[in-house]
Structure formats: structure tokens, C-alpha cells
PDB file of N, CA and C in Angstrom:
ATOM      1  N   MET A   1     -21.044   2.198   3.192  1.00  0.00           N
ATOM      2  CA  MET A   1     -19.938   2.069   4.223  1.00  0.00           C
ATOM      3  C   MET A   1     -18.830   1.216   3.728  1.00  0.00           C
ATOM      4  N   THR A   2     -19.204   0.203   2.850  1.00  0.00           N
ATOM      5  CA  THR A   2     -18.133  -0.753   2.347  1.00  0.00           C
ATOM      6  C   THR A   2     -17.223   0.024   1.449  1.00  0.00           C
ATOM      7  N   GLN A   3     -17.658   1.126   0.774  1.00  0.00           N
ATOM      8  CA  GLN A   3     -16.747   1.938  -0.051  1.00  0.00           C
ATOM      9  C   GLN A   3     -15.691   2.581   0.664  1.00  0.00           C
ATOM     10  N   VAL A   4     -16.180   3.091   1.856  1.00  0.00           N
ATOM     11  CA  VAL A   4     -15.205   3.896   2.649  1.00  0.00           C
ATOM     12  C   VAL A   4     -14.068   3.052   3.146  1.00  0.00           C
ATOM     13  N   LYS A   5     -14.357   1.734   3.453  1.00  0.00           N
ATOM     14  CA  LYS A   5     -13.304   0.773   3.933  1.00  0.00           C
ATOM     15  C   LYS A   5     -12.331   0.627   2.809  1.00  0.00           C
ATOM     16  N   TRP A   6     -12.742   0.392   1.556  1.00  0.00           N
ATOM     17  CA  TRP A   6     -11.799   0.123   0.524  1.00  0.00           C
ATOM     18  C   TRP A   6     -11.103   1.458   0.198  1.00  0.00           C
ATOM     19  N   LEU A   7     -11.666   2.484   0.289  1.00  0.00           N
ATOM     20  CA  LEU A   7     -11.069   3.879   0.019  1.00  0.00           C
ATOM     21  C   LEU A   7      -9.921   4.088   0.973  1.00  0.00           C
ATOM     22  N   ILE A   8     -10.054   3.796   2.265  1.00  0.00           N
ATOM     23  CA  ILE A   8      -9.114   3.937   3.291  1.00  0.00           C
ATOM     24  C   ILE A   8      -8.000   3.001   3.059  1.00  0.00           C
ATOM     25  N   LEU A   9      -8.211   1.709   2.750  1.00  0.00           N
ATOM     26  CA  LEU A   9      -7.238   0.781   2.352  1.00  0.00           C
ATOM     27  C   LEU A   9      -6.389   1.215   1.235  1.00  0.00           C
ATOM     28  N   PHE A  10      -6.989   1.725   0.245  1.00  0.00           N
ATOM     29  CA  PHE A  10      -6.296   2.252  -0.964  1.00  0.00           C
ATOM     30  C   PHE A  10      -5.448   3.475  -0.574  1.00  0.00           C
ATOM     31  N   GLY A  11      -5.942   4.331   0.269  1.00  0.00           N
ATOM     32  CA  GLY A  11      -5.009   5.508   0.684  1.00  0.00           C
ATOM     33  C   GLY A  11      -3.862   4.938   1.499  1.00  0.00           C
ATOM     34  N   VAL A  12      -4.053   4.095   2.348  1.00  0.00           N
ATOM     35  CA  VAL A  12      -2.988   3.574   3.151  1.00  0.00           C
ATOM     36  C   VAL A  12      -1.878   2.891   2.339  1.00  0.00           C
ATOM     37  N   ALA A  13      -2.396   1.982   1.491  1.00  0.00           N
ATOM     38  CA  ALA A  13      -1.514   1.366   0.609  1.00  0.00           C
ATOM     39  C   ALA A  13      -0.735   2.268  -0.311  1.00  0.00           C
ATOM     40  N   CYS A  14      -1.276   3.313  -0.885  1.00  0.00           N
ATOM     41  CA  CYS A  14      -0.609   4.246  -1.653  1.00  0.00           C
ATOM     42  C   CYS A  14       0.399   5.088  -0.821  1.00  0.00           C
ATOM     43  N   TYR A  15       0.067   5.356   0.355  1.00  0.00           N
ATOM     44  CA  TYR A  15       1.073   6.047   1.287  1.00  0.00           C
ATOM     45  C   TYR A  15       2.270   5.126   1.474  1.00  0.00           C
ATOM     46  N   GLY A  16       1.967   3.838   1.831  1.00  0.00           N
ATOM     47  CA  GLY A  16       2.961   2.896   2.089  1.00  0.00           C
ATOM     48  C   GLY A  16       3.934   2.620   0.824  1.00  0.00           C
ATOM     49  N   PHE A  17       3.307   2.718  -0.300  1.00  0.00           N
ATOM     50  CA  PHE A  17       4.098   2.547  -1.506  1.00  0.00           C
ATOM     51  C   PHE A  17       5.025   3.732  -1.752  1.00  0.00           C
ATOM     52  N   GLY A  18       4.548   4.819  -1.372  1.00  0.00           N
ATOM     53  CA  GLY A  18       5.334   6.125  -1.541  1.00  0.00           C
ATOM     54  C   GLY A  18       6.536   6.183  -0.540  1.00  0.00           C
ATOM     55  N   ALA A  19       6.220   5.708   0.629  1.00  0.00           N
ATOM     56  CA  ALA A  19       7.321   5.850   1.728  1.00  0.00           C
ATOM     57  C   ALA A  19       8.320   4.729   1.465  1.00  0.00           C
ATOM     58  N   LEU A  20       7.883   3.577   0.875  1.00  0.00           N
ATOM     59  CA  LEU A  20       8.832   2.585   0.612  1.00  0.00           C
ATOM     60  C   LEU A  20       9.616   2.839  -0.664  1.00  0.00           C
ATOM     61  N   SER A  21       9.099   3.624  -1.562  1.00  0.00           N
ATOM     62  CA  SER A  21       9.782   4.076  -2.786  1.00  0.00           C
ATOM     63  C   SER A  21      10.936   4.984  -2.414  1.00  0.00           C
ATOM     64  N   VAL A  22      10.670   5.833  -1.384  1.00  0.00           N
ATOM     65  CA  VAL A  22      11.708   6.836  -0.876  1.00  0.00           C
ATOM     66  C   VAL A  22      12.738   5.905  -0.133  1.00  0.00           C
ATOM     67  N   THR A  23      12.423   5.006   0.599  1.00  0.00           N
ATOM     68  CA  THR A  23      13.359   4.090   1.248  1.00  0.00           C
ATOM     69  C   THR A  23      14.172   3.356   0.264  1.00  0.00           C
ATOM     70  N   ALA A  24      13.668   2.818  -0.865  1.00  0.00           N
ATOM     71  CA  ALA A  24      14.460   2.180  -1.883  1.00  0.00           C
ATOM     72  C   ALA A  24      15.431   3.156  -2.500  1.00  0.00           C
ATOM     73  N   ASP A  25      15.098   4.456  -2.661  1.00  0.00           N
ATOM     74  CA  ASP A  25      15.963   5.429  -3.224  1.00  0.00           C
ATOM     75  C   ASP A  25      17.240   5.677  -2.178  1.00  0.00           C
ATOM     76  N   GLU A  26      16.753   5.685  -0.971  1.00  0.00           N
ATOM     77  CA  GLU A  26      17.870   5.906   0.034  1.00  0.00           C
ATOM     78  C   GLU A  26      18.846   4.611   0.015  1.00  0.00           C
ATOM     79  N   LEU A  27      18.343   3.465  -0.136  1.00  0.00           N
ATOM     80  CA  LEU A  27      19.083   2.273  -0.063  1.00  0.00           C
ATOM     81  C   LEU A  27      20.022   2.049  -1.324  1.00  0.00           C
ATOM     82  N   TYR A  28      19.519   2.816  -2.478  1.00  0.00           N
ATOM     83  CA  TYR A  28      20.287   2.768  -3.611  1.00  0.00           C
ATOM     84  C   TYR A  28      21.557   3.717  -3.449  1.00  0.00           C
ATOM     85  N   GLY A  29      21.260   4.898  -2.765  1.00  0.00           N
ATOM     86  CA  GLY A  29      22.356   5.859  -2.471  1.00  0.00           C
ATOM     87  C   GLY A  29      23.379   5.169  -1.462  1.00  0.00           C
ATOM     88  N   ILE A  30      22.870   4.386  -0.478  1.00  0.00           N
ATOM     89  CA  ILE A  30      23.777   3.887   0.395  1.00  0.00           C
ATOM     90  C   ILE A  30      24.629   2.774  -0.191  1.00  0.00           C
ATOM     91  N   ALA A  31      24.021   2.079  -1.067  1.00  0.00           N
ATOM     92  CA  ALA A  31      24.696   0.969  -1.829  1.00  0.00           C
ATOM     93  C   ALA A  31      25.784   1.569  -2.802  1.00  0.00           C
ATOM     94  N   GLN A  32      25.446   2.761  -3.377  1.00  0.00           N
ATOM     95  CA  GLN A  32      26.544   3.354  -4.219  1.00  0.00           C
ATOM     96  C   GLN A  32      27.656   3.946  -3.446  1.00  0.00           C
ATOM     97  N   PHE A  33      27.382   4.484  -2.232  1.00  0.00           N
ATOM     98  CA  PHE A  33      28.407   5.060  -1.339  1.00  0.00           C
ATOM     99  C   PHE A  33      29.237   4.208  -0.687  1.00  0.00           C
ATOM    100  N   TYR A  34      28.608   3.160  -0.023  1.00  0.00           N
ATOM    101  CA  TYR A  34      29.355   2.314   0.914  1.00  0.00           C
ATOM    102  C   TYR A  34      29.554   0.852   0.327  1.00  0.00           C
ATOM    103  N   GLY A  35      28.984   0.514  -0.750  1.00  0.00           N
ATOM    104  CA  GLY A  35      29.175  -0.773  -1.345  1.00  0.00           C
ATOM    105  C   GLY A  35      28.272  -1.810  -0.645  1.00  0.00           C
ATOM    106  N   THR A  36      28.839  -3.051  -0.678  1.00  0.00           N
ATOM    107  CA  THR A  36      28.071  -4.113  -0.018  1.00  0.00           C
ATOM    108  C   THR A  36      28.193  -4.148   1.479  1.00  0.00           C
ATOM    109  N   GLY A  37      28.999  -3.294   2.088  1.00  0.00           N
ATOM    110  CA  GLY A  37      29.169  -3.277   3.485  1.00  0.00           C
ATOM    111  C   GLY A  37      28.275  -2.272   4.088  1.00  0.00           C
ATOM    112  N   GLY A  38      27.352  -1.696   3.352  1.00  0.00           N
ATOM    113  CA  GLY A  38      26.486  -0.630   3.996  1.00  0.00           C
ATOM    114  C   GLY A  38      25.467  -1.227   4.946  1.00  0.00           C
ATOM    115  N   VAL A  39      25.085  -0.392   5.825  1.00  0.00           N
ATOM    116  CA  VAL A  39      24.014  -0.850   6.776  1.00  0.00           C
ATOM    117  C   VAL A  39      22.968   0.162   6.768  1.00  0.00           C
ATOM    118  N   TYR A  40      21.599  -0.195   6.730  1.00  0.00           N
ATOM    119  CA  TYR A  40      20.447   0.668   6.897  1.00  0.00           C
ATOM    120  C   TYR A  40      19.774   0.368   8.169  1.00  0.00           C
ATOM    121  N   TYR A  41      19.373   1.487   8.835  1.00  0.00           N
ATOM    122  CA  TYR A  41      18.728   1.441  10.124  1.00  0.00           C
ATOM    123  C   TYR A  41      17.247   1.608   9.863  1.00  0.00           C
ATOM    124  N   PHE A  42      16.413   0.592  10.120  1.00  0.00           N
ATOM    125  CA  PHE A  42      14.902   0.700  10.091  1.00  0.00           C
ATOM    126  C   PHE A  42      14.469   1.122  11.503  1.00  0.00           C
ATOM    127  N   PRO A  43      13.573   1.979  11.671  1.00  0.00           N
ATOM    128  CA  PRO A  43      13.116   2.603  12.979  1.00  0.00           C
ATOM    129  C   PRO A  43      12.578   1.496  13.851  1.00  0.00           C
ATOM    130  N   ILE A  44      11.938   0.488  13.475  1.00  0.00           N
ATOM    131  CA  ILE A  44      11.172  -0.468  14.273  1.00  0.00           C
ATOM    132  C   ILE A  44      12.148  -1.751  14.514  1.00  0.00           C
ATOM    133  N   ILE A  45      12.658  -2.190  13.415  1.00  0.00           N
ATOM    134  CA  ILE A  45      13.435  -3.500  13.501  1.00  0.00           C
ATOM    135  C   ILE A  45      14.954  -3.362  13.637  1.00  0.00           C
ATOM    136  N   GLY A  46      15.440  -2.123  13.648  1.00  0.00           N
ATOM    137  CA  GLY A  46      16.894  -1.920  13.797  1.00  0.00           C
ATOM    138  C   GLY A  46      17.704  -1.966  12.536  1.00  0.00           C
ATOM    139  N   ALA A  47      18.935  -2.012  12.829  1.00  0.00           N
ATOM    140  CA  ALA A  47      19.947  -1.991  11.595  1.00  0.00           C
ATOM    141  C   ALA A  47      19.883  -3.345  10.880  1.00  0.00           C
ATOM    142  N   ARG A  48      19.976  -3.236   9.635  1.00  0.00           N
ATOM    143  CA  ARG A  48      20.092  -4.474   8.725  1.00  0.00           C
ATOM    144  C   ARG A  48      21.070  -4.238   7.656  1.00  0.00           C
ATOM    145  N   GLY A  49      21.626  -5.247   7.062  1.00  0.00           N
ATOM    146  CA  GLY A  49      22.515  -5.260   5.869  1.00  0.00           C
ATOM    147  C   GLY A  49      21.600  -4.783   4.660  1.00  0.00           C
ATOM    148  N   LEU A  50      22.349  -4.379   3.590  1.00  0.00           N
ATOM    149  CA  LEU A  50      21.681  -3.959   2.510  1.00  0.00           C
ATOM    150  C   LEU A  50      20.842  -4.994   1.840  1.00  0.00           C
ATOM    151  N   TRP A  51      21.296  -6.324   1.791  1.00  0.00           N
ATOM    152  CA  TRP A  51      20.483  -7.279   1.237  1.00  0.00           C
ATOM    153  C   TRP A  51      19.159  -7.565   1.925  1.00  0.00           C
ATOM    154  N   ASP A  52      19.296  -7.634   3.202  1.00  0.00           N
ATOM    155  CA  ASP A  52      17.971  -7.754   4.017  1.00  0.00           C
ATOM    156  C   ASP A  52      16.995  -6.569   3.796  1.00  0.00           C
ATOM    157  N   ALA A  53      17.643  -5.243   3.761  1.00  0.00           N
ATOM    158  CA  ALA A  53      16.736  -4.073   3.591  1.00  0.00           C
ATOM    159  C   ALA A  53      16.154  -4.185   2.232  1.00  0.00           C
ATOM    160  N   TRP A  54      16.922  -4.647   1.173  1.00  0.00           N
ATOM    161  CA  TRP A  54      16.221  -4.615  -0.222  1.00  0.00           C
ATOM    162  C   TRP A  54      15.162  -5.644  -0.144  1.00  0.00           C
ATOM    163  N   VAL A  55      15.311  -6.734   0.490  1.00  0.00           N
ATOM    164  CA  VAL A  55      14.235  -7.757   0.547  1.00  0.00           C
ATOM    165  C   VAL A  55      13.021  -7.265   1.179  1.00  0.00           C
ATOM    166  N   TYR A  56      13.178  -6.580   2.437  1.00  0.00           N
ATOM    167  CA  TYR A  56      12.093  -6.001   3.140  1.00  0.00           C
ATOM    168  C   TYR A  56      11.362  -5.014   2.321  1.00  0.00           C
ATOM    169  N   VAL A  57      12.052  -3.982   1.623  1.00  0.00           N
ATOM    170  CA  VAL A  57      11.479  -3.031   0.889  1.00  0.00           C
ATOM    171  C   VAL A  57      10.707  -3.399  -0.271  1.00  0.00           C
ATOM    172  N   PHE A  58      11.333  -4.401  -0.976  1.00  0.00           N
ATOM    173  CA  PHE A  58      10.668  -4.817  -2.231  1.00  0.00           C
ATOM    174  C   PHE A  58       9.447  -5.745  -1.940  1.00  0.00           C
ATOM    175  N   THR A  59       9.488  -6.428  -0.806  1.00  0.00           N
ATOM    176  CA  THR A  59       8.377  -7.283  -0.328  1.00  0.00           C
ATOM    177  C   THR A  59       7.198  -6.352   0.030  1.00  0.00           C
ATOM    178  N   GLY A  60       7.558  -5.132   0.761  1.00  0.00           N
ATOM    179  CA  GLY A  60       6.543  -4.217   1.115  1.00  0.00           C
ATOM    180  C   GLY A  60       5.895  -3.526  -0.091  1.00  0.00           C
ATOM    181  N   LEU A  61       6.770  -3.192  -1.080  1.00  0.00           N
ATOM    182  CA  LEU A  61       6.254  -2.611  -2.252  1.00  0.00           C
ATOM    183  C   LEU A  61       5.371  -3.530  -2.998  1.00  0.00           C
ATOM    184  N   GLY A  62       5.634  -4.801  -3.114  1.00  0.00           N
ATOM    185  CA  GLY A  62       4.762  -5.770  -3.685  1.00  0.00           C
ATOM    186  C   GLY A  62       3.433  -5.891  -2.913  1.00  0.00           C
ATOM    187  N   LEU A  63       3.542  -5.858  -1.615  1.00  0.00           N
ATOM    188  CA  LEU A  63       2.384  -5.922  -0.791  1.00  0.00           C
ATOM    189  C   LEU A  63       1.402  -4.758  -0.978  1.00  0.00           C
ATOM    190  N   CYS A  64       2.012  -3.516  -0.995  1.00  0.00           N
ATOM    191  CA  CYS A  64       1.293  -2.284  -1.128  1.00  0.00           C
ATOM    192  C   CYS A  64       0.547  -2.253  -2.633  1.00  0.00           C
ATOM    193  N   PHE A  65       1.394  -2.723  -3.606  1.00  0.00           N
ATOM    194  CA  PHE A  65       0.727  -2.826  -4.961  1.00  0.00           C
ATOM    195  C   PHE A  65      -0.456  -3.720  -5.015  1.00  0.00           C
ATOM    196  N   PHE A  66      -0.246  -4.929  -4.346  1.00  0.00           N
ATOM    197  CA  PHE A  66      -1.396  -5.832  -4.270  1.00  0.00           C
ATOM    198  C   PHE A  66      -2.680  -5.337  -3.604  1.00  0.00           C
ATOM    199  N   LEU A  67      -2.356  -4.582  -2.476  1.00  0.00           N
ATOM    200  CA  LEU A  67      -3.625  -3.995  -1.711  1.00  0.00           C
ATOM    201  C   LEU A  67      -4.217  -2.895  -2.536  1.00  0.00           C
ATOM    202  N   CYS A  68      -3.407  -2.063  -3.255  1.00  0.00           N
ATOM    203  CA  CYS A  68      -4.070  -0.968  -4.074  1.00  0.00           C
ATOM    204  C   CYS A  68      -4.726  -1.633  -5.198  1.00  0.00           C
ATOM    205  N   THR A  69      -4.328  -2.692  -5.856  1.00  0.00           N
ATOM    206  CA  THR A  69      -5.068  -3.305  -6.946  1.00  0.00           C
ATOM    207  C   THR A  69      -6.345  -3.971  -6.474  1.00  0.00           C
ATOM    208  N   LEU A  70      -6.213  -4.610  -5.262  1.00  0.00           N
ATOM    209  CA  LEU A  70      -7.364  -5.271  -4.720  1.00  0.00           C
ATOM    210  C   LEU A  70      -8.462  -4.276  -4.265  1.00  0.00           C
ATOM    211  N   SER A  71      -8.003  -3.180  -3.681  1.00  0.00           N
ATOM    212  CA  SER A  71      -9.064  -2.165  -3.277  1.00  0.00           C
ATOM    213  C   SER A  71      -9.587  -1.566  -4.496  1.00  0.00           C
ATOM    214  N   VAL A  72      -8.997  -1.234  -5.565  1.00  0.00           N
ATOM    215  CA  VAL A  72      -9.535  -0.714  -6.771  1.00  0.00           C
ATOM    216  C   VAL A  72     -10.563  -1.687  -7.403  1.00  0.00           C
ATOM    217  N   LEU A  73     -10.261  -3.027  -7.449  1.00  0.00           N
ATOM    218  CA  LEU A  73     -11.187  -3.936  -7.773  1.00  0.00           C
ATOM    219  C   LEU A  73     -12.355  -4.088  -6.967  1.00  0.00           C
ATOM    220  N   MET A  74     -12.225  -4.033  -5.725  1.00  0.00           N
ATOM    221  CA  MET A  74     -13.327  -4.134  -4.860  1.00  0.00           C
ATOM    222  C   MET A  74     -14.200  -2.952  -4.961  1.00  0.00           C
ATOM    223  N   LEU A  75     -13.587  -1.759  -5.230  1.00  0.00           N
ATOM    224  CA  LEU A  75     -14.486  -0.621  -5.249  1.00  0.00           C
ATOM    225  C   LEU A  75     -15.248  -0.640  -6.537  1.00  0.00           C
ATOM    226  N   GLN A  76     -14.797  -1.268  -7.546  1.00  0.00           N
ATOM    227  CA  GLN A  76     -15.536  -1.492  -8.787  1.00  0.00           C
ATOM    228  C   GLN A  76     -16.691  -2.514  -8.685  1.00  0.00           C
ATOM    229  N   ARG A  77     -16.541  -3.421  -7.685  1.00  0.00           N
ATOM    230  CA  ARG A  77     -17.480  -4.411  -7.494  1.00  0.00           C
ATOM    231  C   ARG A  77     -18.599  -4.072  -6.555  1.00  0.00           C
ATOM    232  N   THR A  78     -18.372  -3.059  -5.657  1.00  0.00           N
ATOM    233  CA  THR A  78     -19.450  -2.684  -4.762  1.00  0.00           C
ATOM    234  C   THR A  78     -20.542  -1.931  -5.560  1.00  0.00           C
ATOM    235  N   LYS A  79     -21.864  -2.272  -5.108  1.00  0.00           N
ATOM    236  CA  LYS A  79     -23.038  -1.735  -5.743  1.00  0.00           C
ATOM    237  C   LYS A  79     -23.397  -0.550  -4.901  1.00  0.00           C
ATOM    238  N   PRO A  80     -23.951   0.456  -5.645  1.00  0.00           N
ATOM    239  CA  PRO A  80     -24.465   1.617  -5.005  1.00  0.00           C
ATOM    240  C   PRO A  80     -25.649   1.355  -4.246  1.00  0.00           C
ATOM    241  N   THR A  81     -25.924   2.030  -3.158  1.00  0.00           N
ATOM    242  CA  THR A  81     -27.197   1.733  -2.517  1.00  0.00           C
ATOM    243  C   THR A  81     -28.318   2.422  -3.136  1.00  0.00           C
ATOM    244  N   ARG A  82     -29.506   1.891  -3.069  1.00  0.00           N
ATOM    245  CA  ARG A  82     -30.665   2.520  -3.743  1.00  0.00           C
ATOM    246  C   ARG A  82     -31.534   3.078  -2.462  1.00  0.00           C
ATOM    247  N   ARG A  83     -31.710   4.427  -2.661  1.00  0.00           N
ATOM    248  CA  ARG A  83     -32.626   5.167  -1.654  1.00  0.00           C
ATOM    249  C   ARG A  83     -34.012   5.153  -2.071  1.00  0.00           C
ATOM    250  N   GLY A  84     -34.387   4.964  -3.406  1.00  0.00           N
ATOM    251  CA  GLY A  84     -35.683   5.061  -3.797  1.00  0.00           C
ATOM    252  C   GLY A  84     -36.514   3.848  -3.799  1.00  0.00           C
ATOM    253  N   ASP A  85     -36.075   2.843  -3.052  1.00  0.00           N
ATOM    254  CA  ASP A  85     -36.834   1.575  -3.119  1.00  0.00           C
ATOM    255  C   ASP A  85     -38.194   1.619  -2.533  1.00  0.00           C
ATOM    256  N   ARG A  86     -38.411   2.534  -1.545  1.00  0.00           N
ATOM    257  CA  ARG A  86     -39.694   2.548  -0.899  1.00  0.00           C
ATOM    258  C   ARG A  86     -40.770   3.155  -1.873  1.00  0.00           C
ATOM    259  N   GLY A  87     -40.378   4.079  -2.755  1.00  0.00           N
ATOM    260  CA  GLY A  87     -41.355   4.688  -3.719  1.00  0.00           C
ATOM    261  C   GLY A  87     -41.895   3.563  -4.756  1.00  0.00           C
ATOM    262  N   SER A  88     -41.084   2.640  -5.050  1.00  0.00           N
ATOM    263  CA  SER A  88     -41.551   1.511  -5.896  1.00  0.00           C
ATOM    264  C   SER A  88     -42.437   0.670  -5.236  1.00  0.00           C
ATOM    265  N   GLU A  89     -42.330   0.476  -3.830  1.00  0.00           N
ATOM    266  CA  GLU A  89     -43.428  -0.421  -3.153  1.00  0.00           C
ATOM    267  C   GLU A  89     -44.696   0.243  -3.189  1.00  0.00           C
ATOM    268  N   ARG A  90     -44.821   1.622  -3.124  1.00  0.00           N
ATOM    269  CA  ARG A  90     -46.133   2.345  -2.905  1.00  0.00           C
ATOM    270  C   ARG A  90     -46.838   2.183  -4.361  1.00  0.00           C
ATOM    271  N   GLN A  91     -46.135   2.178  -5.405  1.00  0.00           N
ATOM    272  CA  GLN A  91     -46.784   2.043  -6.758  1.00  0.00           C
ATOM    273  C   GLN A  91     -47.372   0.684  -7.083  1.00  0.00           C
ATOM    274  N   SER A  92     -46.878  -0.399  -6.436  1.00  0.00           N
ATOM    275  CA  SER A  92     -47.330  -1.723  -6.662  1.00  0.00           C
ATOM    276  C   SER A  92     -48.781  -1.916  -6.063  1.00  0.00           C
TER     277      SER A  92
END
């Protein structure tokens, strides 16, 4: 069951990384077209200047990368469950 938790976290972090990568690409296009006066509208927090938007996006990318790395490391540390433990008790 612990492996499922880390797999779900890995999937969510990868999805977030992909979504934020697309957002970073949009920000780059806005910056090229409008210059420093561009504004990006985030669905939840509203309109922000390009500097704030870059900070939010790259912070999110860093967080998603950290969660992906953490989940991969934790998946490697989890031990498989042994189902044949009862058979060894009978032989003793």
C-alpha cells in the first residue's frame, strides 16, 4: 500500500511539472510580445506581472521536481511484502 502512495505522488508531480512547463512557455511568448509590461492571468490567484509569474512558475517547477525525486527514492526504499512467511513457520 505504501508503494501506491508514492506512485500517486509521482504521477501528480509529473503532471504538475508538465502543466507548469507549458505555462513557462506561454510566459516566454507573452514576454516576447508585450515586453516587461505584460500581464499573465492565473486562474486561482488572478492577474500578475511577468516577474511574479516567473517566480511562481519556477518555484512550482522546483517543487514538482523535488517531489518526483523524493517519490522515486522512496519507491526504491520500500520493501516488497512477503507472502510466504507462514510456510517457513510450518517447517520449523
